């Protein structure tokens, strides 16, 4: 479509811009006609599809978030946080000395269990 419009425009411009010789009915080449011919050939080359080369075009990398790139790590972090909260809320408040000693380790132990569970869930989701 673009080439047709350009060709029509070139023919109109070259017909009105050149003075035809009444004896030979030939028009001398003008600057506008030569320029229009060059432009038409340039547009025809630009519009022609290029042959495919051996190299395939590389697709732009998808910019995904770190959660999509590392689902196991995200699951482990969420599991550790949830496990730590559950461990601290369930173990505290005992008067026995043995359970008071476990209060210090409740967050890391139950958080570690939650981190393992979260990492497993992240592995299954991926």
N, C-alpha and C. Protein backbone atom coordinates (compact mmCIF):
# COMPACT_ATOMS: atom_id res chain seq x y z
N UNK A 1 0.82 -1.18 0.00
CA UNK A 1 0.00 0.00 0.00
C UNK A 1 0.87 1.25 0.00
N UNK A 2 1.91 1.20 0.80
CA UNK A 2 2.80 2.36 0.91
C UNK A 2 3.51 2.62 -0.41
N UNK A 3 3.92 1.53 -1.08
CA UNK A 3 4.61 1.69 -2.35
C UNK A 3 3.68 2.27 -3.41
N UNK A 4 2.42 1.88 -3.38
CA UNK A 4 1.47 2.40 -4.36
C UNK A 4 1.26 3.90 -4.18
N UNK A 5 1.17 4.33 -2.94
CA UNK A 5 0.98 5.75 -2.67
C UNK A 5 2.21 6.53 -3.10
N UNK A 6 3.39 6.01 -2.80
CA UNK A 6 4.62 6.70 -3.18
C UNK A 6 4.76 6.73 -4.70
N UNK A 7 4.44 5.64 -5.38
CA UNK A 7 4.53 5.61 -6.84
C UNK A 7 3.57 6.60 -7.47
N UNK A 8 2.35 6.69 -6.93
CA UNK A 8 1.38 7.65 -7.44
C UNK A 8 1.86 9.08 -7.23
N UNK A 9 2.39 9.34 -6.06
CA UNK A 9 2.91 10.68 -5.76
C UNK A 9 4.09 11.03 -6.67
N UNK A 10 4.96 10.07 -6.90
CA UNK A 10 6.12 10.31 -7.77
C UNK A 10 5.67 10.60 -9.19
N UNK A 11 4.70 9.83 -9.66
CA UNK A 11 4.24 10.06 -11.04
C UNK A 11 3.55 11.41 -11.18
N UNK A 12 2.80 11.82 -10.16
CA UNK A 12 2.17 13.13 -10.21
C UNK A 12 3.19 14.26 -10.16
N UNK A 13 4.18 14.13 -9.28
CA UNK A 13 5.19 15.16 -9.17
C UNK A 13 6.07 15.24 -10.42
N UNK A 14 6.44 14.10 -10.95
CA UNK A 14 7.32 14.13 -12.11
C UNK A 14 6.57 14.61 -13.35
N UNK A 15 5.26 14.37 -13.44
CA UNK A 15 4.48 14.83 -14.59
C UNK A 15 4.25 16.32 -14.56
N UNK A 16 4.04 16.90 -13.42
CA UNK A 16 3.77 18.33 -13.34
C UNK A 16 5.05 19.15 -13.28
N UNK A 17 6.12 18.57 -12.83
CA UNK A 17 7.34 19.34 -12.66
C UNK A 17 8.16 19.41 -13.93
N UNK A 18 7.98 18.48 -14.84
CA UNK A 18 8.81 18.47 -16.04
C UNK A 18 8.05 19.08 -17.21
N UNK A 19 8.77 19.75 -18.02
CA UNK A 19 8.16 20.34 -19.22
C UNK A 19 8.39 19.39 -20.38
N UNK A 20 7.33 18.92 -20.99
CA UNK A 20 7.44 17.96 -22.09
C UNK A 20 7.80 18.69 -23.38
N UNK A 21 8.64 18.06 -24.16
CA UNK A 21 9.03 18.61 -25.46
C UNK A 21 7.89 18.32 -26.44
N UNK A 22 7.27 19.34 -27.05
CA UNK A 22 6.11 19.08 -27.90
C UNK A 22 6.45 18.29 -29.16
N UNK A 23 7.68 18.29 -29.60
CA UNK A 23 8.01 17.59 -30.84
C UNK A 23 8.24 16.11 -30.59
N UNK A 24 9.05 15.75 -29.60
CA UNK A 24 9.40 14.35 -29.36
C UNK A 24 8.52 13.71 -28.28
N UNK A 25 7.75 14.46 -27.59
CA UNK A 25 6.90 14.00 -26.48
C UNK A 25 7.72 13.29 -25.41
N UNK A 26 8.94 13.65 -25.28
CA UNK A 26 9.80 13.09 -24.24
C UNK A 26 10.11 14.18 -23.23
N UNK A 27 10.08 13.82 -22.01
CA UNK A 27 10.36 14.81 -20.98
C UNK A 27 11.80 14.64 -20.51
N UNK A 28 12.52 15.72 -20.35
CA UNK A 28 13.89 15.60 -19.87
C UNK A 28 13.88 15.22 -18.39
N UNK A 29 14.85 14.46 -17.94
CA UNK A 29 14.88 14.09 -16.52
C UNK A 29 15.12 15.33 -15.66
N UNK A 30 14.30 15.47 -14.67
CA UNK A 30 14.44 16.61 -13.77
C UNK A 30 15.00 16.15 -12.44
N UNK A 31 15.35 17.08 -11.66
CA UNK A 31 15.89 16.77 -10.34
C UNK A 31 14.84 16.10 -9.48
N UNK A 32 13.61 16.57 -9.59
CA UNK A 32 12.53 16.00 -8.78
C UNK A 32 12.25 14.57 -9.22
N UNK A 33 12.23 14.30 -10.50
CA UNK A 33 11.96 12.95 -11.00
C UNK A 33 13.07 11.99 -10.58
N UNK A 34 14.30 12.44 -10.68
CA UNK A 34 15.43 11.58 -10.28
C UNK A 34 15.39 11.30 -8.79
N UNK A 35 15.08 12.33 -8.01
CA UNK A 35 15.00 12.15 -6.57
C UNK A 35 13.85 11.22 -6.19
N UNK A 36 12.72 11.38 -6.89
CA UNK A 36 11.57 10.51 -6.62
C UNK A 36 11.88 9.08 -6.99
N UNK A 37 12.58 8.86 -8.07
CA UNK A 37 12.95 7.49 -8.47
C UNK A 37 13.87 6.85 -7.43
N UNK A 38 14.82 7.63 -6.92
CA UNK A 38 15.70 7.10 -5.87
C UNK A 38 14.91 6.76 -4.61
N UNK A 39 13.96 7.60 -4.27
CA UNK A 39 13.16 7.36 -3.06
C UNK A 39 12.29 6.13 -3.21
N UNK A 40 11.71 5.94 -4.39
CA UNK A 40 10.89 4.75 -4.63
C UNK A 40 11.75 3.49 -4.52
N UNK A 41 12.93 3.51 -5.09
CA UNK A 41 13.79 2.33 -5.00
C UNK A 41 14.25 2.09 -3.57
N UNK A 42 14.49 3.16 -2.83
CA UNK A 42 14.89 3.00 -1.42
C UNK A 42 13.74 2.40 -0.61
N UNK A 43 12.53 2.89 -0.83
CA UNK A 43 11.38 2.35 -0.11
C UNK A 43 11.09 0.90 -0.49
N UNK A 44 11.31 0.56 -1.75
CA UNK A 44 11.09 -0.82 -2.19
C UNK A 44 12.10 -1.75 -1.53
N UNK A 45 13.34 -1.30 -1.40
CA UNK A 45 14.34 -2.13 -0.71
C UNK A 45 14.02 -2.25 0.78
N UNK A 46 13.54 -1.18 1.37
CA UNK A 46 13.24 -1.22 2.80
C UNK A 46 12.02 -2.08 3.08
N UNK A 47 11.05 -2.11 2.17
CA UNK A 47 9.83 -2.87 2.39
C UNK A 47 10.01 -4.35 2.08
N UNK A 48 11.01 -4.71 1.31
CA UNK A 48 11.24 -6.11 0.96
C UNK A 48 11.68 -6.87 2.20
N UNK A 49 11.13 -8.06 2.40
CA UNK A 49 11.54 -8.84 3.57
C UNK A 49 12.98 -9.32 3.42
N UNK A 50 13.71 -9.23 4.50
CA UNK A 50 15.11 -9.68 4.48
C UNK A 50 15.15 -11.19 4.59
N UNK A 51 16.09 -11.82 3.91
CA UNK A 51 16.18 -13.28 4.04
C UNK A 51 16.63 -13.65 5.45
N UNK A 52 16.12 -14.76 5.89
CA UNK A 52 16.47 -15.21 7.24
C UNK A 52 17.92 -15.68 7.27
N UNK A 53 18.59 -15.27 8.27
CA UNK A 53 19.98 -15.67 8.43
C UNK A 53 20.06 -16.91 9.31
N UNK A 54 21.25 -17.42 9.44
CA UNK A 54 21.44 -18.61 10.26
C UNK A 54 21.20 -18.32 11.73
N UNK A 55 21.45 -17.10 12.13
CA UNK A 55 21.23 -16.74 13.53
C UNK A 55 19.75 -16.46 13.76
N UNK A 56 19.23 -17.05 14.78
CA UNK A 56 17.86 -16.75 15.17
C UNK A 56 17.89 -15.52 16.07
N UNK A 57 16.86 -14.74 15.95
CA UNK A 57 16.81 -13.55 16.79
C UNK A 57 16.60 -13.98 18.23
N UNK A 58 17.30 -13.31 19.13
CA UNK A 58 17.19 -13.65 20.54
C UNK A 58 16.00 -12.91 21.12
N UNK A 59 15.25 -13.63 21.89
CA UNK A 59 14.11 -13.02 22.55
C UNK A 59 14.59 -12.24 23.76
N UNK A 60 13.89 -11.19 24.04
CA UNK A 60 14.23 -10.39 25.22
C UNK A 60 13.91 -11.22 26.46
N UNK A 61 14.80 -11.22 27.44
CA UNK A 61 14.54 -12.01 28.64
C UNK A 61 13.35 -11.45 29.41
N UNK A 62 12.58 -12.36 29.93
CA UNK A 62 11.44 -11.92 30.74
C UNK A 62 11.95 -11.49 32.11
N UNK A 63 11.52 -10.34 32.53
CA UNK A 63 11.94 -9.84 33.83
C UNK A 63 10.93 -10.28 34.87
N UNK A 64 11.22 -11.42 35.47
CA UNK A 64 10.34 -11.93 36.51
C UNK A 64 10.91 -11.54 37.87
N UNK A 65 10.06 -11.53 38.83
CA UNK A 65 10.48 -11.19 40.19
C UNK A 65 11.32 -12.29 40.81
N UNK A 66 11.93 -11.98 41.91
CA UNK A 66 12.81 -12.97 42.53
C UNK A 66 12.02 -14.12 43.12
N UNK A 67 10.75 -13.90 43.46
CA UNK A 67 9.94 -14.99 43.99
C UNK A 67 9.71 -16.05 42.90
N UNK A 68 9.47 -15.61 41.67
CA UNK A 68 9.27 -16.56 40.58
C UNK A 68 10.58 -17.27 40.22
N UNK A 69 11.71 -16.58 40.40
CA UNK A 69 13.00 -17.20 40.09
C UNK A 69 13.46 -18.15 41.19
N UNK A 70 13.08 -17.89 42.44
CA UNK A 70 13.54 -18.69 43.59
C UNK A 70 12.36 -19.10 44.47
N UNK A 71 11.50 -20.01 44.00
CA UNK A 71 10.34 -20.37 44.82
C UNK A 71 10.71 -21.15 46.08
N UNK A 72 11.79 -21.93 46.03
CA UNK A 72 12.19 -22.69 47.23
C UNK A 72 12.68 -21.77 48.33
N UNK A 73 13.47 -20.77 47.96
CA UNK A 73 13.96 -19.81 48.95
C UNK A 73 12.81 -19.03 49.56
N UNK A 74 11.87 -18.60 48.74
CA UNK A 74 10.71 -17.87 49.26
C UNK A 74 9.90 -18.75 50.20
N UNK A 75 9.69 -20.01 49.82
CA UNK A 75 8.96 -20.94 50.68
C UNK A 75 9.68 -21.18 51.99
N UNK A 76 11.01 -21.27 51.94
CA UNK A 76 11.77 -21.47 53.17
C UNK A 76 11.68 -20.25 54.09
N UNK A 77 11.75 -19.06 53.51
CA UNK A 77 11.65 -17.84 54.33
C UNK A 77 10.28 -17.71 54.98
N UNK A 78 9.23 -17.95 54.22
CA UNK A 78 7.88 -17.87 54.77
C UNK A 78 7.67 -18.96 55.81
N UNK A 79 8.14 -20.16 55.53
CA UNK A 79 8.01 -21.25 56.49
C UNK A 79 8.76 -20.99 57.78
N UNK A 80 9.97 -20.42 57.66
CA UNK A 80 10.73 -20.11 58.87
C UNK A 80 10.01 -19.05 59.70
N UNK A 81 9.50 -18.04 59.05
CA UNK A 81 8.79 -16.98 59.78
C UNK A 81 7.55 -17.52 60.48
N UNK A 82 6.76 -18.31 59.77
CA UNK A 82 5.55 -18.87 60.36
C UNK A 82 5.90 -19.85 61.48
N UNK A 83 6.92 -20.68 61.26
CA UNK A 83 7.32 -21.64 62.29
C UNK A 83 7.85 -20.95 63.54
N UNK A 84 8.58 -19.87 63.35
CA UNK A 84 9.12 -19.13 64.48
C UNK A 84 7.99 -18.52 65.31
N UNK A 85 7.01 -17.97 64.66
CA UNK A 85 5.87 -17.38 65.38
C UNK A 85 5.11 -18.46 66.13
N UNK A 86 4.85 -19.59 65.49
CA UNK A 86 4.14 -20.69 66.15
C UNK A 86 4.96 -21.24 67.30
N UNK A 87 6.26 -21.41 67.12
CA UNK A 87 7.10 -21.96 68.18
C UNK A 87 7.16 -21.07 69.40
N UNK A 88 7.27 -19.79 69.19
CA UNK A 88 7.34 -18.87 70.32
C UNK A 88 6.00 -18.80 71.04
N UNK A 89 4.91 -18.84 70.31
CA UNK A 89 3.60 -18.71 70.95
C UNK A 89 3.17 -19.98 71.68
N UNK A 90 3.67 -21.15 71.31
CA UNK A 90 3.23 -22.39 71.92
C UNK A 90 4.09 -22.85 73.09
N UNK A 91 5.35 -22.52 73.12
CA UNK A 91 6.25 -23.08 74.12
C UNK A 91 6.32 -22.24 75.38
N UNK A 92 6.22 -20.94 75.29
CA UNK A 92 6.44 -20.06 76.43
C UNK A 92 5.42 -20.21 77.54
N UNK A 93 5.81 -19.80 78.75
CA UNK A 93 4.89 -19.75 79.88
C UNK A 93 5.00 -20.90 80.85
N UNK A 94 5.95 -21.76 80.71
CA UNK A 94 6.07 -22.89 81.62
C UNK A 94 6.97 -22.52 82.79
N UNK A 95 6.66 -23.08 83.98
CA UNK A 95 7.50 -22.81 85.15
C UNK A 95 8.59 -23.87 85.31
N UNK A 96 8.51 -24.90 84.57
CA UNK A 96 9.51 -25.96 84.66
C UNK A 96 10.80 -25.47 84.01
N UNK A 97 11.93 -25.81 84.63
CA UNK A 97 13.22 -25.32 84.13
C UNK A 97 13.59 -25.95 82.79
N UNK A 98 13.18 -27.20 82.57
CA UNK A 98 13.51 -27.84 81.30
C UNK A 98 12.81 -27.13 80.14
N UNK A 99 11.53 -26.82 80.29
CA UNK A 99 10.80 -26.15 79.22
C UNK A 99 11.21 -24.68 79.08
N UNK A 100 11.68 -24.08 80.19
CA UNK A 100 12.19 -22.72 80.07
C UNK A 100 13.46 -22.70 79.21
N UNK A 101 14.26 -23.74 79.28
CA UNK A 101 15.45 -23.84 78.45
C UNK A 101 15.07 -24.00 76.98
N UNK A 102 13.93 -24.68 76.71
CA UNK A 102 13.48 -24.84 75.33
C UNK A 102 12.91 -23.56 74.74
N UNK A 103 12.52 -22.61 75.60
CA UNK A 103 11.98 -21.35 75.10
C UNK A 103 12.98 -20.62 74.20
N UNK A 104 14.24 -20.72 74.53
CA UNK A 104 15.26 -20.04 73.74
C UNK A 104 15.43 -20.68 72.36
N UNK A 105 15.16 -21.96 72.26
CA UNK A 105 15.37 -22.69 71.00
C UNK A 105 14.08 -22.92 70.22
N UNK A 106 12.96 -22.44 70.74
CA UNK A 106 11.68 -22.72 70.09
C UNK A 106 11.62 -22.07 68.71
N UNK A 107 12.04 -20.83 68.62
CA UNK A 107 11.96 -20.14 67.32
C UNK A 107 12.87 -20.81 66.29
N UNK A 108 14.14 -21.08 66.56
CA UNK A 108 14.97 -21.71 65.53
C UNK A 108 14.54 -23.13 65.17
N UNK A 109 14.09 -23.92 66.18
CA UNK A 109 13.75 -25.31 65.91
C UNK A 109 12.45 -25.40 65.11
N UNK A 110 11.41 -24.79 65.60
CA UNK A 110 10.12 -24.87 64.90
C UNK A 110 10.19 -24.06 63.60
N UNK A 111 10.97 -22.97 63.59
CA UNK A 111 11.18 -22.22 62.36
C UNK A 111 11.92 -23.04 61.32
N UNK A 112 12.88 -23.84 61.75
CA UNK A 112 13.59 -24.73 60.81
C UNK A 112 12.69 -25.79 60.23
N UNK A 113 11.80 -26.31 61.05
CA UNK A 113 10.82 -27.28 60.54
C UNK A 113 9.91 -26.61 59.51
N UNK A 114 9.48 -25.39 59.83
CA UNK A 114 8.63 -24.65 58.89
C UNK A 114 9.38 -24.30 57.61
N UNK A 115 10.67 -23.97 57.73
CA UNK A 115 11.47 -23.65 56.54
C UNK A 115 11.60 -24.86 55.63
N UNK A 116 11.81 -26.02 56.21
CA UNK A 116 11.87 -27.24 55.40
C UNK A 116 10.56 -27.52 54.70
N UNK A 117 9.46 -27.33 55.41
CA UNK A 117 8.15 -27.56 54.81
C UNK A 117 7.89 -26.53 53.70
N UNK A 118 8.27 -25.30 53.93
CA UNK A 118 8.08 -24.26 52.92
C UNK A 118 8.93 -24.50 51.68
N UNK A 119 10.16 -24.99 51.88
CA UNK A 119 11.02 -25.29 50.74
C UNK A 119 10.45 -26.46 49.92
N UNK A 120 9.87 -27.43 50.60
CA UNK A 120 9.24 -28.54 49.87
C UNK A 120 8.04 -28.04 49.05
N UNK A 121 7.25 -27.16 49.65
CA UNK A 121 6.11 -26.61 48.92
C UNK A 121 6.62 -25.80 47.71
N UNK A 122 7.68 -25.02 47.90
CA UNK A 122 8.26 -24.25 46.79
C UNK A 122 8.78 -25.15 45.69
N UNK A 123 9.35 -26.28 46.03
CA UNK A 123 9.85 -27.23 45.03
C UNK A 123 8.71 -27.85 44.24
N UNK A 124 7.60 -28.13 44.92
CA UNK A 124 6.46 -28.75 44.25
C UNK A 124 5.77 -27.73 43.35
N UNK A 125 5.71 -26.48 43.77
CA UNK A 125 5.04 -25.44 42.99
C UNK A 125 5.80 -25.16 41.71
N UNK A 126 7.13 -25.15 41.76
CA UNK A 126 7.93 -24.86 40.57
C UNK A 126 7.80 -25.98 39.60
